[in-house]
Amino acid sequence: MRLVSDCRLAIRTEGPDVVIYLAEPHTMDGAIVLARLNKAALLVSNVLFNEVKAAYSKWLQVQVAVCTGVVPEMIDRIPPEPREGNA
């Protein structure tokens, strides 16, 4: 996967973890795992979860801007494809 202005963060619950992926806009094919965090520790506080999400979003904005010259707007949205179970 190459870094382009229309990539996205996909944050998914997988078993005991919350996994943060760098993915293409409409698929998880070729997605790159950026972080695997313990769900129990992360969900102690909604504030903590939101801070982690914001930090990764900011990181992605900077990386895309450096590589493409485009500063993306981060938008929370429903995943673009159906998911099985909680993965």
PDB file of N, CA and C in Angstrom:
ATOM      1  N   MET A   1       0.843  -1.171   0.000  1.00  0.00           N
ATOM      2  CA  MET A   1       0.000   0.000   0.000  1.00  0.00           C
ATOM      3  C   MET A   1       0.888   1.234   0.000  1.00  0.00           C
ATOM      4  N   ARG A   2       0.626   2.169  -0.865  1.00  0.00           N
ATOM      5  CA  ARG A   2       1.383   3.412  -0.850  1.00  0.00           C
ATOM      6  C   ARG A   2       0.569   4.476  -0.120  1.00  0.00           C
ATOM      7  N   LEU A   3       1.250   5.395   0.512  1.00  0.00           N
ATOM      8  CA  LEU A   3       0.589   6.437   1.282  1.00  0.00           C
ATOM      9  C   LEU A   3       0.058   7.498   0.338  1.00  0.00           C
ATOM     10  N   VAL A   4      -1.239   7.704   0.346  1.00  0.00           N
ATOM     11  CA  VAL A   4      -1.879   8.706  -0.496  1.00  0.00           C
ATOM     12  C   VAL A   4      -2.819   9.538   0.358  1.00  0.00           C
ATOM     13  N   SER A   5      -3.307  10.613  -0.203  1.00  0.00           N
ATOM     14  CA  SER A   5      -4.130  11.541   0.578  1.00  0.00           C
ATOM     15  C   SER A   5      -5.468  10.943   0.988  1.00  0.00           C
ATOM     16  N   ASP A   6      -5.906   9.883   0.336  1.00  0.00           N
ATOM     17  CA  ASP A   6      -7.209   9.335   0.691  1.00  0.00           C
ATOM     18  C   ASP A   6      -7.139   8.011   1.451  1.00  0.00           C
ATOM     19  N   CYS A   7      -6.029   7.776   2.171  1.00  0.00           N
ATOM     20  CA  CYS A   7      -5.980   6.611   3.039  1.00  0.00           C
ATOM     21  C   CYS A   7      -6.770   6.917   4.311  1.00  0.00           C
ATOM     22  N   ARG A   8      -6.960   5.905   5.132  1.00  0.00           N
ATOM     23  CA  ARG A   8      -7.763   6.103   6.346  1.00  0.00           C
ATOM     24  C   ARG A   8      -7.200   5.285   7.485  1.00  0.00           C
ATOM     25  N   LEU A   9      -7.593   5.660   8.690  1.00  0.00           N
ATOM     26  CA  LEU A   9      -7.331   4.846   9.871  1.00  0.00           C
ATOM     27  C   LEU A   9      -8.544   3.950  10.070  1.00  0.00           C
ATOM     28  N   ALA A  10      -8.300   2.681  10.285  1.00  0.00           N
ATOM     29  CA  ALA A  10      -9.374   1.755  10.624  1.00  0.00           C
ATOM     30  C   ALA A  10      -9.069   1.257  12.029  1.00  0.00           C
ATOM     31  N   ILE A  11      -9.986   1.489  12.936  1.00  0.00           N
ATOM     32  CA  ILE A  11      -9.801   1.080  14.330  1.00  0.00           C
ATOM     33  C   ILE A  11     -10.827  -0.011  14.607  1.00  0.00           C
ATOM     34  N   ARG A  12     -10.316  -1.204  14.904  1.00  0.00           N
ATOM     35  CA  ARG A  12     -11.185  -2.361  15.051  1.00  0.00           C
ATOM     36  C   ARG A  12     -10.898  -3.113  16.337  1.00  0.00           C
ATOM     37  N   THR A  13     -11.952  -3.681  16.901  1.00  0.00           N
ATOM     38  CA  THR A  13     -11.806  -4.534  18.067  1.00  0.00           C
ATOM     39  C   THR A  13     -11.590  -5.957  17.574  1.00  0.00           C
ATOM     40  N   GLU A  14     -10.499  -6.566  18.008  1.00  0.00           N
ATOM     41  CA  GLU A  14     -10.173  -7.936  17.633  1.00  0.00           C
ATOM     42  C   GLU A  14      -9.802  -8.699  18.892  1.00  0.00           C
ATOM     43  N   GLY A  15     -10.730  -9.501  19.384  1.00  0.00           N
ATOM     44  CA  GLY A  15     -10.497 -10.250  20.623  1.00  0.00           C
ATOM     45  C   GLY A  15     -10.211  -9.291  21.760  1.00  0.00           C
ATOM     46  N   PRO A  16      -9.095  -9.474  22.488  1.00  0.00           N
ATOM     47  CA  PRO A  16      -8.794  -8.618  23.630  1.00  0.00           C
ATOM     48  C   PRO A  16      -8.107  -7.306  23.235  1.00  0.00           C
ATOM     49  N   ASP A  17      -7.943  -7.057  21.946  1.00  0.00           N
ATOM     50  CA  ASP A  17      -7.194  -5.887  21.485  1.00  0.00           C
ATOM     51  C   ASP A  17      -8.046  -4.912  20.684  1.00  0.00           C
ATOM     52  N   VAL A  18      -7.579  -3.673  20.665  1.00  0.00           N
ATOM     53  CA  VAL A  18      -8.038  -2.674  19.716  1.00  0.00           C
ATOM     54  C   VAL A  18      -6.880  -2.507  18.744  1.00  0.00           C
ATOM     55  N   VAL A  19      -7.141  -2.723  17.449  1.00  0.00           N
ATOM     56  CA  VAL A  19      -6.088  -2.686  16.447  1.00  0.00           C
ATOM     57  C   VAL A  19      -6.313  -1.485  15.539  1.00  0.00           C
ATOM     58  N   ILE A  20      -5.248  -0.701  15.342  1.00  0.00           N
ATOM     59  CA  ILE A  20      -5.309   0.478  14.483  1.00  0.00           C
ATOM     60  C   ILE A  20      -4.562   0.152  13.193  1.00  0.00           C
ATOM     61  N   TYR A  21      -5.275   0.269  12.074  1.00  0.00           N
ATOM     62  CA  TYR A  21      -4.721  -0.033  10.755  1.00  0.00           C
ATOM     63  C   TYR A  21      -4.631   1.240   9.915  1.00  0.00           C
ATOM     64  N   LEU A  22      -3.683   1.261   9.006  1.00  0.00           N
ATOM     65  CA  LEU A  22      -3.644   2.223   7.912  1.00  0.00           C
ATOM     66  C   LEU A  22      -4.193   1.464   6.717  1.00  0.00           C
ATOM     67  N   ALA A  23      -5.284   1.971   6.128  1.00  0.00           N
ATOM     68  CA  ALA A  23      -5.970   1.217   5.080  1.00  0.00           C
ATOM     69  C   ALA A  23      -6.366   2.126   3.920  1.00  0.00           C
ATOM     70  N   GLU A  24      -6.639   1.481   2.800  1.00  0.00           N
ATOM     71  CA  GLU A  24      -7.168   2.212   1.659  1.00  0.00           C
ATOM     72  C   GLU A  24      -8.613   2.602   1.971  1.00  0.00           C
ATOM     73  N   PRO A  25      -9.170   3.577   1.240  1.00  0.00           N
ATOM     74  CA  PRO A  25     -10.482   4.114   1.586  1.00  0.00           C
ATOM     75  C   PRO A  25     -11.631   3.108   1.612  1.00  0.00           C
ATOM     76  N   HIS A  26     -11.638   2.137   0.716  1.00  0.00           N
ATOM     77  CA  HIS A  26     -12.819   1.289   0.588  1.00  0.00           C
ATOM     78  C   HIS A  26     -12.553  -0.193   0.795  1.00  0.00           C
ATOM     79  N   THR A  27     -11.392  -0.524   1.344  1.00  0.00           N
ATOM     80  CA  THR A  27     -11.069  -1.936   1.556  1.00  0.00           C
ATOM     81  C   THR A  27     -10.040  -2.074   2.674  1.00  0.00           C
ATOM     82  N   MET A  28      -9.990  -3.259   3.227  1.00  0.00           N
ATOM     83  CA  MET A  28      -8.952  -3.576   4.208  1.00  0.00           C
ATOM     84  C   MET A  28      -7.839  -4.390   3.564  1.00  0.00           C
ATOM     85  N   ASP A  29      -7.950  -4.695   2.274  1.00  0.00           N
ATOM     86  CA  ASP A  29      -6.894  -5.440   1.582  1.00  0.00           C
ATOM     87  C   ASP A  29      -5.583  -4.673   1.668  1.00  0.00           C
ATOM     88  N   GLY A  30      -4.543  -5.343   2.128  1.00  0.00           N
ATOM     89  CA  GLY A  30      -3.225  -4.728   2.222  1.00  0.00           C
ATOM     90  C   GLY A  30      -3.071  -3.741   3.369  1.00  0.00           C
ATOM     91  N   ALA A  31      -4.026  -3.696   4.290  1.00  0.00           N
ATOM     92  CA  ALA A  31      -3.950  -2.758   5.411  1.00  0.00           C
ATOM     93  C   ALA A  31      -2.720  -3.047   6.263  1.00  0.00           C
ATOM     94  N   ILE A  32      -2.159  -2.003   6.842  1.00  0.00           N
ATOM     95  CA  ILE A  32      -0.944  -2.103   7.650  1.00  0.00           C
ATOM     96  C   ILE A  32      -1.306  -1.875   9.118  1.00  0.00           C
ATOM     97  N   VAL A  33      -0.889  -2.785   9.987  1.00  0.00           N
ATOM     98  CA  VAL A  33      -1.135  -2.629  11.424  1.00  0.00           C
ATOM     99  C   VAL A  33      -0.184  -1.568  11.973  1.00  0.00           C
ATOM    100  N   LEU A  34      -0.743  -0.518  12.556  1.00  0.00           N
ATOM    101  CA  LEU A  34       0.060   0.528  13.188  1.00  0.00           C
ATOM    102  C   LEU A  34       0.213   0.278  14.679  1.00  0.00           C
ATOM    103  N   ALA A  35      -0.834  -0.264  15.299  1.00  0.00           N
ATOM    104  CA  ALA A  35      -0.785  -0.488  16.745  1.00  0.00           C
ATOM    105  C   ALA A  35      -1.766  -1.576  17.132  1.00  0.00           C
ATOM    106  N   ARG A  36      -1.413  -2.300  18.154  1.00  0.00           N
ATOM    107  CA  ARG A  36      -2.289  -3.302  18.767  1.00  0.00           C
ATOM    108  C   ARG A  36      -2.270  -2.991  20.256  1.00  0.00           C
ATOM    109  N   LEU A  37      -3.406  -2.532  20.775  1.00  0.00           N
ATOM    110  CA  LEU A  37      -3.487  -2.064  22.155  1.00  0.00           C
ATOM    111  C   LEU A  37      -4.470  -2.921  22.942  1.00  0.00           C
ATOM    112  N   ASN A  38      -4.199  -3.119  24.216  1.00  0.00           N
ATOM    113  CA  ASN A  38      -5.075  -3.890  25.070  1.00  0.00           C
ATOM    114  C   ASN A  38      -6.382  -3.146  25.287  1.00  0.00           C
ATOM    115  N   LYS A  39      -7.486  -3.781  24.883  1.00  0.00           N
ATOM    116  CA  LYS A  39      -8.799  -3.145  24.963  1.00  0.00           C
ATOM    117  C   LYS A  39      -9.173  -2.810  26.399  1.00  0.00           C
ATOM    118  N   ALA A  40      -8.914  -3.706  27.334  1.00  0.00           N
ATOM    119  CA  ALA A  40      -9.294  -3.473  28.728  1.00  0.00           C
ATOM    120  C   ALA A  40      -8.582  -2.239  29.283  1.00  0.00           C
ATOM    121  N   ALA A  41      -7.302  -2.088  28.968  1.00  0.00           N
ATOM    122  CA  ALA A  41      -6.552  -0.930  29.453  1.00  0.00           C
ATOM    123  C   ALA A  41      -7.016   0.344  28.773  1.00  0.00           C
ATOM    124  N   LEU A  42      -7.294   0.248  27.490  1.00  0.00           N
ATOM    125  CA  LEU A  42      -7.672   1.424  26.711  1.00  0.00           C
ATOM    126  C   LEU A  42      -9.071   1.914  27.053  1.00  0.00           C
ATOM    127  N   LEU A  43      -9.966   0.978  27.342  1.00  0.00           N
ATOM    128  CA  LEU A  43     -11.355   1.359  27.573  1.00  0.00           C
ATOM    129  C   LEU A  43     -11.652   1.705  29.024  1.00  0.00           C
ATOM    130  N   VAL A  44     -10.600   1.817  29.846  1.00  0.00           N
ATOM    131  CA  VAL A  44     -10.781   2.275  31.222  1.00  0.00           C
ATOM    132  C   VAL A  44     -11.411   3.660  31.196  1.00  0.00           C
ATOM    133  N   SER A  45     -11.055   4.423  30.189  1.00  0.00           N
ATOM    134  CA  SER A  45     -11.538   5.796  30.087  1.00  0.00           C
ATOM    135  C   SER A  45     -11.803   6.135  28.630  1.00  0.00           C
ATOM    136  N   ASN A  46     -12.972   6.702  28.354  1.00  0.00           N
ATOM    137  CA  ASN A  46     -13.267   7.172  27.001  1.00  0.00           C
ATOM    138  C   ASN A  46     -12.300   8.276  26.603  1.00  0.00           C
ATOM    139  N   VAL A  47     -11.864   9.059  27.582  1.00  0.00           N
ATOM    140  CA  VAL A  47     -10.922  10.136  27.308  1.00  0.00           C
ATOM    141  C   VAL A  47      -9.614   9.553  26.785  1.00  0.00           C
ATOM    142  N   LEU A  48      -9.112   8.504  27.423  1.00  0.00           N
ATOM    143  CA  LEU A  48      -7.877   7.863  26.978  1.00  0.00           C
ATOM    144  C   LEU A  48      -8.033   7.325  25.557  1.00  0.00           C
ATOM    145  N   PHE A  49      -9.137   6.629  25.282  1.00  0.00           N
ATOM    146  CA  PHE A  49      -9.367   6.090  23.942  1.00  0.00           C
ATOM    147  C   PHE A  49      -9.392   7.225  22.922  1.00  0.00           C
ATOM    148  N   ASN A  50     -10.076   8.302  23.220  1.00  0.00           N
ATOM    149  CA  ASN A  50     -10.157   9.438  22.292  1.00  0.00           C
ATOM    150  C   ASN A  50      -8.790  10.095  22.090  1.00  0.00           C
ATOM    151  N   GLU A  51      -7.973  10.145  23.130  1.00  0.00           N
ATOM    152  CA  GLU A  51      -6.629  10.726  22.998  1.00  0.00           C
ATOM    153  C   GLU A  51      -5.733   9.862  22.112  1.00  0.00           C
ATOM    154  N   VAL A  52      -5.810   8.546  22.275  1.00  0.00           N
ATOM    155  CA  VAL A  52      -5.024   7.643  21.424  1.00  0.00           C
ATOM    156  C   VAL A  52      -5.477   7.782  19.977  1.00  0.00           C
ATOM    157  N   LYS A  53      -6.775   7.791  19.765  1.00  0.00           N
ATOM    158  CA  LYS A  53      -7.321   7.944  18.408  1.00  0.00           C
ATOM    159  C   LYS A  53      -6.875   9.276  17.795  1.00  0.00           C
ATOM    160  N   ALA A  54      -6.925  10.347  18.563  1.00  0.00           N
ATOM    161  CA  ALA A  54      -6.515  11.670  18.073  1.00  0.00           C
ATOM    162  C   ALA A  54      -5.024  11.699  17.734  1.00  0.00           C
ATOM    163  N   ALA A  55      -4.204  11.038  18.561  1.00  0.00           N
ATOM    164  CA  ALA A  55      -2.763  11.015  18.301  1.00  0.00           C
ATOM    165  C   ALA A  55      -2.456  10.290  16.999  1.00  0.00           C
ATOM    166  N   TYR A  56      -3.082   9.151  16.758  1.00  0.00           N
ATOM    167  CA  TYR A  56      -2.856   8.432  15.506  1.00  0.00           C
ATOM    168  C   TYR A  56      -3.415   9.203  14.312  1.00  0.00           C
ATOM    169  N   SER A  57      -4.526   9.876  14.499  1.00  0.00           N
ATOM    170  CA  SER A  57      -5.088  10.695  13.419  1.00  0.00           C
ATOM    171  C   SER A  57      -4.140  11.826  13.048  1.00  0.00           C
ATOM    172  N   LYS A  58      -3.579  12.479  14.040  1.00  0.00           N
ATOM    173  CA  LYS A  58      -2.626  13.565  13.784  1.00  0.00           C
ATOM    174  C   LYS A  58      -1.379  13.028  13.089  1.00  0.00           C
ATOM    175  N   TRP A  59      -0.880  11.874  13.546  1.00  0.00           N
ATOM    176  CA  TRP A  59       0.279  11.253  12.916  1.00  0.00           C
ATOM    177  C   TRP A  59       0.000  10.989  11.436  1.00  0.00           C
ATOM    178  N   LEU A  60      -1.189  10.447  11.136  1.00  0.00           N
ATOM    179  CA  LEU A  60      -1.534  10.147   9.749  1.00  0.00           C
ATOM    180  C   LEU A  60      -1.620  11.425   8.921  1.00  0.00           C
ATOM    181  N   GLN A  61      -2.210  12.478   9.473  1.00  0.00           N
ATOM    182  CA  GLN A  61      -2.277  13.758   8.759  1.00  0.00           C
ATOM    183  C   GLN A  61      -0.891  14.253   8.376  1.00  0.00           C
ATOM    184  N   VAL A  62       0.029  14.201   9.318  1.00  0.00           N
ATOM    185  CA  VAL A  62       1.393  14.680   9.070  1.00  0.00           C
ATOM    186  C   VAL A  62       2.075  13.822   8.008  1.00  0.00           C
ATOM    187  N   GLN A  63       1.957  12.507   8.116  1.00  0.00           N
ATOM    188  CA  GLN A  63       2.600  11.618   7.148  1.00  0.00           C
ATOM    189  C   GLN A  63       2.066  11.833   5.740  1.00  0.00           C
ATOM    190  N   VAL A  64       0.761  11.958   5.621  1.00  0.00           N
ATOM    191  CA  VAL A  64       0.166  12.187   4.297  1.00  0.00           C
ATOM    192  C   VAL A  64       0.613  13.533   3.748  1.00  0.00           C
ATOM    193  N   ALA A  65       0.631  14.558   4.581  1.00  0.00           N
ATOM    194  CA  ALA A  65       1.052  15.890   4.135  1.00  0.00           C
ATOM    195  C   ALA A  65       2.498  15.886   3.656  1.00  0.00           C
ATOM    196  N   VAL A  66       3.372  15.196   4.378  1.00  0.00           N
ATOM    197  CA  VAL A  66       4.787  15.127   3.998  1.00  0.00           C
ATOM    198  C   VAL A  66       4.945  14.393   2.657  1.00  0.00           C
ATOM    199  N   CYS A  67       4.204  13.309   2.484  1.00  0.00           N
ATOM    200  CA  CYS A  67       4.364  12.482   1.286  1.00  0.00           C
ATOM    201  C   CYS A  67       3.639  13.026   0.057  1.00  0.00           C
ATOM    202  N   THR A  68       2.545  13.741   0.256  1.00  0.00           N
ATOM    203  CA  THR A  68       1.718  14.150  -0.887  1.00  0.00           C
ATOM    204  C   THR A  68       1.558  15.654  -1.037  1.00  0.00           C
ATOM    205  N   GLY A  69       1.848  16.404   0.022  1.00  0.00           N
ATOM    206  CA  GLY A  69       1.599  17.834  -0.014  1.00  0.00           C
ATOM    207  C   GLY A  69       0.151  18.186   0.287  1.00  0.00           C
ATOM    208  N   VAL A  70      -0.677  17.190   0.534  1.00  0.00           N
ATOM    209  CA  VAL A  70      -2.094  17.397   0.838  1.00  0.00           C
ATOM    210  C   VAL A  70      -2.314  17.108   2.319  1.00  0.00           C
ATOM    211  N   VAL A  71      -2.960  18.026   3.024  1.00  0.00           N
ATOM    212  CA  VAL A  71      -3.286  17.803   4.433  1.00  0.00           C
ATOM    213  C   VAL A  71      -4.715  17.257   4.488  1.00  0.00           C
ATOM    214  N   PRO A  72      -4.872  15.975   4.832  1.00  0.00           N
ATOM    215  CA  PRO A  72      -6.209  15.398   4.826  1.00  0.00           C
ATOM    216  C   PRO A  72      -7.024  15.838   6.030  1.00  0.00           C
ATOM    217  N   GLU A  73      -8.322  15.864   5.842  1.00  0.00           N
ATOM    218  CA  GLU A  73      -9.243  16.111   6.944  1.00  0.00           C
ATOM    219  C   GLU A  73      -9.649  14.756   7.492  1.00  0.00           C
ATOM    220  N   MET A  74      -9.506  14.563   8.791  1.00  0.00           N
ATOM    221  CA  MET A  74      -9.854  13.284   9.392  1.00  0.00           C
ATOM    222  C   MET A  74     -11.344  13.283   9.718  1.00  0.00           C
ATOM    223  N   ILE A  75     -12.052  12.287   9.213  1.00  0.00           N
ATOM    224  CA  ILE A  75     -13.498  12.194   9.388  1.00  0.00           C
ATOM    225  C   ILE A  75     -13.821  10.828   9.968  1.00  0.00           C
ATOM    226  N   ASP A  76     -14.569  10.807  11.063  1.00  0.00           N
ATOM    227  CA  ASP A  76     -15.050   9.534  11.594  1.00  0.00           C
ATOM    228  C   ASP A  76     -16.204   9.082  10.727  1.00  0.00           C
ATOM    229  N   ARG A  77     -16.152   7.824  10.302  1.00  0.00           N
ATOM    230  CA  ARG A  77     -17.258   7.311   9.502  1.00  0.00           C
ATOM    231  C   ARG A  77     -17.379   5.812   9.716  1.00  0.00           C
ATOM    232  N   ILE A  78     -18.505   5.293   9.275  1.00  0.00           N
ATOM    233  CA  ILE A  78     -18.764   3.863   9.388  1.00  0.00           C
ATOM    234  C   ILE A  78     -17.809   3.126   8.460  1.00  0.00           C
ATOM    235  N   PRO A  79     -17.288   1.967   8.873  1.00  0.00           N
ATOM    236  CA  PRO A  79     -16.395   1.203   7.997  1.00  0.00           C
ATOM    237  C   PRO A  79     -17.047   0.958   6.639  1.00  0.00           C
ATOM    238  N   PRO A  80     -16.272   1.009   5.550  1.00  0.00           N
ATOM    239  CA  PRO A  80     -16.841   0.908   4.214  1.00  0.00           C
ATOM    240  C   PRO A  80     -17.225  -0.487   3.777  1.00  0.00           C
ATOM    241  N   GLU A  81     -16.924  -1.487   4.566  1.00  0.00           N
ATOM    242  CA  GLU A  81     -17.256  -2.841   4.163  1.00  0.00           C
ATOM    243  C   GLU A  81     -17.804  -3.601   5.351  1.00  0.00           C
ATOM    244  N   PRO A  82     -18.646  -4.608   5.100  1.00  0.00           N
ATOM    245  CA  PRO A  82     -19.159  -5.386   6.223  1.00  0.00           C
ATOM    246  C   PRO A  82     -18.021  -6.107   6.947  1.00  0.00           C
ATOM    247  N   ARG A  83     -18.185  -6.265   8.240  1.00  0.00           N
ATOM    248  CA  ARG A  83     -17.193  -6.983   9.046  1.00  0.00           C
ATOM    249  C   ARG A  83     -17.860  -8.192   9.646  1.00  0.00           C
ATOM    250  N   GLU A  84     -17.093  -9.250   9.790  1.00  0.00           N
ATOM    251  CA  GLU A  84     -17.600 -10.436  10.450  1.00  0.00           C
ATOM    252  C   GLU A  84     -17.297 -10.342  11.938  1.00  0.00           C
ATOM    253  N   GLY A  85     -18.278 -10.633  12.744  1.00  0.00           N
ATOM    254  CA  GLY A  85     -18.071 -10.601  14.195  1.00  0.00           C
ATOM    255  C   GLY A  85     -17.638  -9.239  14.658  1.00  0.00           C
ATOM    256  N   ASN A  86     -16.580  -9.198  15.431  1.00  0.00           N
ATOM    257  CA  ASN A  86     -16.098  -7.951  15.994  1.00  0.00           C
ATOM    258  C   ASN A  86     -14.731  -7.583  15.425  1.00  0.00           C
ATOM    259  N   ALA A  87     -14.343  -8.259  14.343  1.00  0.00           N
ATOM    260  CA  ALA A  87     -13.018  -8.015  13.759  1.00  0.00           C
ATOM    261  C   ALA A  87     -13.077  -7.078  12.585  1.00  0.00           C
TER     262      ALA A  87
END
